[in-house]
Amino acid sequence: MILKMTNKDKDFYKYMGKFFGSRLVEKQINDRIYDDDKKEWYLYLESDNVEAFVSIENKKIKNIYCYKERSLEKLLKHIKKEEKIATSILTKKYQEIYIKCGFEIANKENYKNFIVIQ
């Protein structure tokens, strides 16, 4: 199941609270996750557990994480149908999934842990 939420929604922290400030998540993706007010969040749930999430602010993907790569792939394909995504800087961790989902890698060289997608 896919949910679209903001940090103002009733169950947002029930699903997302454990990811904010998580050193494990930060270590896996080389990025920190913040619950900024302007972000919209897409969550991919299985049995009420978050398997993947993506945050978007001003048409740019800001945060991305998955427990199961196939869940992130499904989520990104859903988002591409719903949103016109602007050029975004994302963790390199999921580069193969970005390509599978039809995003173009614009820059592979300028960032150590991140890439630019279009």
Protein backbone atom coordinates (compact mmCIF):
# COMPACT_ATOMS: atom_id res chain seq x y z
CA MET A 1 0.00 0.00 0.00
CA ILE A 2 1.22 3.51 -0.82
CA LEU A 3 0.42 6.47 1.43
CA LYS A 4 1.06 10.16 0.81
CA MET A 5 1.49 12.18 4.00
CA THR A 6 2.97 15.27 5.60
CA ASN A 7 4.32 15.64 9.11
CA LYS A 8 0.93 17.13 10.06
CA ASP A 9 -0.98 13.90 9.35
CA LYS A 10 -2.25 11.96 12.35
CA ASP A 11 -0.26 8.75 11.85
CA PHE A 12 2.85 10.27 10.30
CA TYR A 13 5.14 9.74 13.30
CA LYS A 14 3.69 6.30 13.92
CA TYR A 15 5.17 5.29 10.57
CA MET A 16 8.16 7.61 10.24
CA GLY A 17 9.27 8.44 13.79
CA LYS A 18 11.86 5.68 13.99
CA PHE A 19 13.70 6.97 10.90
CA PHE A 20 14.42 10.49 12.17
CA GLY A 21 17.78 10.59 13.91
CA SER A 22 18.46 6.92 13.16
CA ARG A 23 22.19 6.34 12.96
CA LEU A 24 21.55 3.03 11.20
CA VAL A 25 19.62 4.74 8.38
CA GLU A 26 22.20 7.52 8.17
CA LYS A 27 25.02 4.98 7.89
CA GLN A 28 23.20 3.00 5.19
CA ILE A 29 22.41 5.95 2.93
CA ASN A 30 25.08 8.52 3.96
CA ASP A 31 22.32 11.08 4.53
CA ARG A 32 20.18 12.34 7.40
CA ILE A 33 16.40 12.30 7.36
CA TYR A 34 14.54 15.39 8.61
CA ASP A 35 10.79 15.94 8.99
CA ASP A 36 10.70 19.43 7.48
CA ASP A 37 7.26 21.05 7.30
CA LYS A 38 7.29 21.58 3.53
CA LYS A 39 7.97 17.97 2.58
CA GLU A 40 5.40 15.52 1.26
CA TRP A 41 6.16 11.90 2.00
CA TYR A 42 5.32 8.82 -0.03
CA LEU A 43 5.44 5.65 2.04
CA TYR A 44 5.34 2.08 0.77
CA LEU A 45 3.81 -0.14 3.45
CA GLU A 46 3.64 -3.89 3.85
CA SER A 47 1.70 -5.18 6.86
CA ASP A 48 1.70 -1.65 8.33
CA ASN A 49 5.53 -1.49 8.16
CA VAL A 50 7.38 1.11 6.09
CA GLU A 51 9.40 -0.76 3.47
CA ALA A 52 10.41 2.37 1.53
CA PHE A 53 9.86 6.11 1.61
CA VAL A 54 10.55 9.19 -0.49
CA SER A 55 10.15 12.82 0.54
CA ILE A 56 9.52 15.57 -1.99
CA GLU A 57 9.80 19.33 -1.57
CA ASN A 58 9.25 21.78 -4.44
CA LYS A 59 9.17 18.87 -6.94
CA LYS A 60 12.64 17.68 -5.81
CA ILE A 61 13.24 14.37 -4.10
CA LYS A 62 14.90 15.19 -0.81
CA ASN A 63 15.07 11.90 1.13
CA ILE A 64 14.93 8.33 -0.02
CA TYR A 65 15.29 5.03 1.82
CA CYS A 66 14.24 1.44 1.53
CA TYR A 67 14.32 -1.75 3.50
CA LYS A 68 13.36 -3.73 0.39
CA GLU A 69 14.59 -2.54 -3.01
CA ARG A 70 11.53 -3.88 -4.87
CA SER A 71 9.37 -1.69 -2.62
CA LEU A 72 11.39 1.40 -3.53
CA GLU A 73 11.14 0.52 -7.20
CA LYS A 74 7.34 0.28 -6.97
CA LEU A 75 7.21 3.52 -5.01
CA LEU A 76 9.37 5.48 -7.46
CA LYS A 77 7.34 4.26 -10.43
CA HIS A 78 4.17 5.40 -8.64
CA ILE A 79 5.69 8.80 -7.89
CA LYS A 80 6.77 9.29 -11.53
CA LYS A 81 3.12 8.86 -12.54
CA GLU A 82 1.91 11.32 -9.87
CA GLU A 83 4.58 14.01 -9.89
CA LYS A 84 6.86 15.83 -12.31
CA ILE A 85 10.15 15.43 -10.48
CA ALA A 86 12.76 18.18 -10.87
CA THR A 87 16.49 17.55 -10.93
CA SER A 88 17.39 16.13 -7.51
CA ILE A 89 20.54 15.22 -5.61
CA LEU A 90 20.19 11.76 -4.03
CA THR A 91 22.24 9.10 -2.32
CA LYS A 92 24.22 6.87 -4.70
CA LYS A 93 23.05 3.82 -2.75
CA TYR A 94 20.00 3.31 -4.98
CA GLN A 95 21.51 4.33 -8.33
CA GLU A 96 20.48 1.10 -10.09
CA ILE A 97 16.89 1.54 -8.92
CA TYR A 98 16.77 5.14 -10.19
CA ILE A 99 17.86 3.93 -13.62
CA LYS A 100 15.36 1.03 -13.56
CA CYS A 101 12.60 3.53 -12.81
CA GLY A 102 13.48 5.73 -15.78
CA PHE A 103 15.49 8.48 -14.11
CA GLU A 104 18.57 9.74 -15.90
CA ILE A 105 21.82 10.05 -13.97
CA ALA A 106 23.06 13.54 -14.81
CA ASN A 107 26.26 13.63 -12.80
CA LYS A 108 28.30 10.78 -11.41
CA GLU A 109 31.53 12.58 -10.61
CA ASN A 110 31.03 15.69 -8.46
CA TYR A 111 29.81 14.13 -5.22
CA LYS A 112 31.35 11.36 -3.16
CA ASN A 113 28.10 9.85 -1.81
CA PHE A 114 25.45 11.49 -4.00
CA ILE A 115 24.36 11.70 -7.62
CA VAL A 116 22.16 14.04 -9.62
CA ILE A 117 19.05 12.57 -11.21
CA GLN A 118 16.67 14.04 -13.78
